[in-house]
Amino acid sequence: MLHISQQQISRYERGITSVSIETLDAILNKLGKDWSDFFFKVIANYSDEVAEIKLQDNFLFQDKKSKYSYYDKLKFRALHEL
């Protein structure tokens, strides 16, 4: 048994609390996974995110007008957050 509360697991999932190497190792062992499984999943998710960002970039910057419009929106948002 790991003796980790549901609240603590939720904090890990939401990124509020960092997971120690020891805790992550215990979780992987309990799930019957190893570090190579973990890193393969991390790399696969990272690759998906990069592909999605590139797709969004291509869509947003199809022409100069959309490019400038995008930057204008960012500037507007930044000014109003100050």
N, C-alpha and C. Protein backbone atom coordinates (compact mmCIF):
# COMPACT_ATOMS: atom_id res chain seq x y z
N MET A 1 0.83 -1.17 0.00
CA MET A 1 0.00 0.00 0.00
C MET A 1 0.88 1.25 0.00
N LEU A 2 0.46 2.26 -0.70
CA LEU A 2 1.26 3.48 -0.81
C LEU A 2 1.01 4.47 0.32
N HIS A 3 -0.15 4.41 0.93
CA HIS A 3 -0.52 5.33 2.02
C HIS A 3 -0.48 6.79 1.56
N ILE A 4 -1.06 7.04 0.38
CA ILE A 4 -1.19 8.40 -0.15
C ILE A 4 -2.68 8.70 -0.22
N SER A 5 -3.08 9.81 0.36
CA SER A 5 -4.50 10.16 0.37
C SER A 5 -4.98 10.58 -1.01
N GLN A 6 -6.28 10.49 -1.22
CA GLN A 6 -6.88 10.93 -2.48
C GLN A 6 -6.62 12.42 -2.70
N GLN A 7 -6.64 13.19 -1.62
CA GLN A 7 -6.37 14.63 -1.72
C GLN A 7 -4.95 14.89 -2.21
N GLN A 8 -4.00 14.10 -1.70
CA GLN A 8 -2.60 14.28 -2.13
C GLN A 8 -2.43 13.89 -3.59
N ILE A 9 -3.07 12.81 -4.00
CA ILE A 9 -3.02 12.40 -5.41
C ILE A 9 -3.60 13.50 -6.29
N SER A 10 -4.68 14.10 -5.84
CA SER A 10 -5.29 15.20 -6.58
C SER A 10 -4.33 16.38 -6.70
N ARG A 11 -3.58 16.66 -5.64
CA ARG A 11 -2.59 17.75 -5.69
C ARG A 11 -1.49 17.44 -6.70
N TYR A 12 -1.07 16.18 -6.76
CA TYR A 12 -0.08 15.77 -7.77
C TYR A 12 -0.64 15.98 -9.17
N GLU A 13 -1.86 15.52 -9.38
CA GLU A 13 -2.48 15.60 -10.71
C GLU A 13 -2.66 17.03 -11.18
N ARG A 14 -2.97 17.92 -10.26
CA ARG A 14 -3.21 19.33 -10.62
C ARG A 14 -1.93 20.15 -10.62
N GLY A 15 -0.80 19.53 -10.25
CA GLY A 15 0.47 20.25 -10.26
C GLY A 15 0.67 21.18 -9.09
N ILE A 16 -0.14 21.03 -8.05
CA ILE A 16 -0.01 21.88 -6.87
C ILE A 16 1.18 21.44 -6.03
N THR A 17 1.39 20.15 -5.97
CA THR A 17 2.50 19.56 -5.21
C THR A 17 3.35 18.73 -6.15
N SER A 18 4.66 18.85 -6.00
CA SER A 18 5.58 18.04 -6.81
C SER A 18 5.64 16.62 -6.26
N VAL A 19 5.85 15.68 -7.15
CA VAL A 19 5.99 14.28 -6.76
C VAL A 19 7.48 14.00 -6.61
N SER A 20 7.88 13.44 -5.48
CA SER A 20 9.29 13.08 -5.30
C SER A 20 9.62 11.86 -6.16
N ILE A 21 10.88 11.70 -6.44
CA ILE A 21 11.34 10.54 -7.21
C ILE A 21 10.95 9.25 -6.50
N GLU A 22 11.11 9.24 -5.19
CA GLU A 22 10.79 8.04 -4.42
C GLU A 22 9.31 7.70 -4.51
N THR A 23 8.45 8.72 -4.42
CA THR A 23 7.01 8.50 -4.51
C THR A 23 6.62 8.04 -5.90
N LEU A 24 7.19 8.68 -6.92
CA LEU A 24 6.89 8.29 -8.29
C LEU A 24 7.34 6.85 -8.55
N ASP A 25 8.50 6.49 -8.03
CA ASP A 25 8.99 5.12 -8.18
C ASP A 25 8.04 4.13 -7.51
N ALA A 26 7.55 4.47 -6.32
CA ALA A 26 6.60 3.60 -5.61
C ALA A 26 5.29 3.46 -6.39
N ILE A 27 4.81 4.57 -6.96
CA ILE A 27 3.57 4.53 -7.75
C ILE A 27 3.76 3.66 -8.99
N LEU A 28 4.89 3.84 -9.68
CA LEU A 28 5.16 3.03 -10.87
C LEU A 28 5.22 1.55 -10.51
N ASN A 29 5.89 1.22 -9.42
CA ASN A 29 5.98 -0.18 -8.99
C ASN A 29 4.61 -0.74 -8.67
N LYS A 30 3.79 0.04 -7.97
CA LYS A 30 2.44 -0.42 -7.60
C LYS A 30 1.58 -0.66 -8.83
N LEU A 31 1.79 0.16 -9.88
CA LEU A 31 1.03 0.01 -11.12
C LEU A 31 1.62 -1.04 -12.06
N GLY A 32 2.75 -1.62 -11.66
CA GLY A 32 3.39 -2.62 -12.50
C GLY A 32 4.08 -2.01 -13.72
N LYS A 33 4.50 -0.76 -13.59
CA LYS A 33 5.17 -0.05 -14.67
C LYS A 33 6.61 0.23 -14.26
N ASP A 34 7.44 0.51 -15.27
CA ASP A 34 8.81 0.89 -14.96
C ASP A 34 9.10 2.27 -15.53
N TRP A 35 10.32 2.73 -15.31
CA TRP A 35 10.68 4.09 -15.74
C TRP A 35 10.62 4.24 -17.26
N SER A 36 10.94 3.20 -18.00
CA SER A 36 10.88 3.31 -19.46
C SER A 36 9.44 3.50 -19.92
N ASP A 37 8.48 2.83 -19.27
CA ASP A 37 7.05 3.05 -19.59
C ASP A 37 6.68 4.51 -19.32
N PHE A 38 7.12 5.02 -18.19
CA PHE A 38 6.81 6.39 -17.79
C PHE A 38 7.36 7.39 -18.81
N PHE A 39 8.64 7.27 -19.15
CA PHE A 39 9.25 8.23 -20.06
C PHE A 39 8.71 8.09 -21.48
N PHE A 40 8.37 6.88 -21.89
CA PHE A 40 7.76 6.70 -23.21
C PHE A 40 6.45 7.47 -23.28
N LYS A 41 5.64 7.39 -22.22
CA LYS A 41 4.36 8.10 -22.19
C LYS A 41 4.57 9.61 -22.17
N VAL A 42 5.55 10.07 -21.41
CA VAL A 42 5.85 11.51 -21.35
C VAL A 42 6.27 12.01 -22.72
N ILE A 43 7.16 11.29 -23.39
CA ILE A 43 7.64 11.69 -24.71
C ILE A 43 6.50 11.66 -25.72
N ALA A 44 5.66 10.65 -25.66
CA ALA A 44 4.53 10.56 -26.59
C ALA A 44 3.58 11.74 -26.40
N ASN A 45 3.27 12.08 -25.15
CA ASN A 45 2.40 13.23 -24.87
C ASN A 45 3.04 14.53 -25.32
N TYR A 46 4.35 14.66 -25.09
CA TYR A 46 5.07 15.87 -25.50
C TYR A 46 5.03 16.01 -27.01
N SER A 47 5.24 14.92 -27.73
CA SER A 47 5.20 14.95 -29.19
C SER A 47 3.83 15.37 -29.69
N ASP A 48 2.77 14.87 -29.06
CA ASP A 48 1.41 15.26 -29.43
C ASP A 48 1.18 16.75 -29.21
N GLU A 49 1.69 17.26 -28.08
CA GLU A 49 1.52 18.68 -27.79
C GLU A 49 2.27 19.55 -28.79
N VAL A 50 3.49 19.15 -29.14
CA VAL A 50 4.27 19.91 -30.12
C VAL A 50 3.57 19.92 -31.47
N ALA A 51 3.04 18.77 -31.87
CA ALA A 51 2.32 18.69 -33.15
C ALA A 51 1.09 19.60 -33.12
N GLU A 52 0.37 19.63 -32.02
CA GLU A 52 -0.82 20.48 -31.90
C GLU A 52 -0.43 21.95 -31.95
N ILE A 53 0.65 22.33 -31.29
CA ILE A 53 1.11 23.72 -31.31
C ILE A 53 1.50 24.13 -32.72
N LYS A 54 2.21 23.26 -33.42
CA LYS A 54 2.60 23.58 -34.80
C LYS A 54 1.37 23.73 -35.69
N LEU A 55 0.39 22.89 -35.49
CA LEU A 55 -0.84 22.98 -36.27
C LEU A 55 -1.55 24.30 -35.98
N GLN A 56 -1.62 24.68 -34.73
CA GLN A 56 -2.25 25.95 -34.36
C GLN A 56 -1.47 27.13 -34.93
N ASP A 57 -0.14 27.06 -34.88
CA ASP A 57 0.69 28.13 -35.45
C ASP A 57 0.42 28.29 -36.94
N ASN A 58 0.36 27.18 -37.65
CA ASN A 58 0.09 27.25 -39.09
C ASN A 58 -1.27 27.86 -39.36
N PHE A 59 -2.24 27.51 -38.55
CA PHE A 59 -3.58 28.05 -38.73
C PHE A 59 -3.62 29.54 -38.42
N LEU A 60 -2.98 29.95 -37.32
CA LEU A 60 -3.03 31.35 -36.89
C LEU A 60 -2.27 32.28 -37.83
N PHE A 61 -1.20 31.78 -38.41
CA PHE A 61 -0.33 32.65 -39.20
C PHE A 61 -0.42 32.37 -40.69
N GLN A 62 -1.60 32.03 -41.17
CA GLN A 62 -1.77 31.74 -42.60
C GLN A 62 -1.47 32.96 -43.45
N ASP A 63 -1.83 34.10 -42.99
CA ASP A 63 -1.52 35.32 -43.73
C ASP A 63 -1.11 36.42 -42.77
N LYS A 64 -0.60 37.52 -43.30
CA LYS A 64 -0.10 38.59 -42.44
C LYS A 64 -1.21 39.21 -41.60
N LYS A 65 -2.39 39.31 -42.17
CA LYS A 65 -3.49 39.93 -41.44
C LYS A 65 -3.80 39.16 -40.15
N SER A 66 -3.89 37.84 -40.26
CA SER A 66 -4.19 37.05 -39.07
C SER A 66 -3.03 37.11 -38.08
N LYS A 67 -1.80 37.22 -38.61
CA LYS A 67 -0.63 37.31 -37.74
C LYS A 67 -0.69 38.60 -36.91
N TYR A 68 -0.94 39.71 -37.57
CA TYR A 68 -1.01 40.98 -36.85
C TYR A 68 -2.22 41.01 -35.91
N SER A 69 -3.31 40.45 -36.34
CA SER A 69 -4.50 40.40 -35.50
C SER A 69 -4.22 39.61 -34.22
N TYR A 70 -3.49 38.52 -34.36
CA TYR A 70 -3.14 37.69 -33.21
C TYR A 70 -2.29 38.49 -32.22
N TYR A 71 -1.27 39.20 -32.72
CA TYR A 71 -0.42 40.00 -31.85
C TYR A 71 -1.19 41.15 -31.21
N ASP A 72 -2.10 41.76 -31.95
CA ASP A 72 -2.92 42.83 -31.39
C ASP A 72 -3.76 42.31 -30.22
N LYS A 73 -4.30 41.12 -30.38
CA LYS A 73 -5.10 40.52 -29.29
C LYS A 73 -4.23 40.25 -28.07
N LEU A 74 -3.00 39.76 -28.31
CA LEU A 74 -2.09 39.50 -27.19
C LEU A 74 -1.72 40.80 -26.47
N LYS A 75 -1.42 41.85 -27.23
CA LYS A 75 -1.08 43.14 -26.62
C LYS A 75 -2.27 43.68 -25.83
N PHE A 76 -3.45 43.60 -26.41
CA PHE A 76 -4.66 44.08 -25.75
C PHE A 76 -4.87 43.34 -24.42
N ARG A 77 -4.73 42.03 -24.46
CA ARG A 77 -4.91 41.22 -23.26
C ARG A 77 -3.86 41.56 -22.21
N ALA A 78 -2.61 41.72 -22.65
CA ALA A 78 -1.52 42.03 -21.72
C ALA A 78 -1.74 43.39 -21.06
N LEU A 79 -2.18 44.37 -21.83
CA LEU A 79 -2.41 45.71 -21.27
C LEU A 79 -3.54 45.71 -20.25
N HIS A 80 -4.54 44.92 -20.50
CA HIS A 80 -5.69 44.89 -19.59
C HIS A 80 -5.45 44.03 -18.36
N GLU A 81 -4.40 43.22 -18.38
CA GLU A 81 -4.07 42.42 -17.21
C GLU A 81 -3.19 43.19 -16.23
N LEU A 82 -2.64 44.31 -16.68
CA LEU A 82 -1.76 45.11 -15.80
C LEU A 82 -2.52 45.82 -14.77
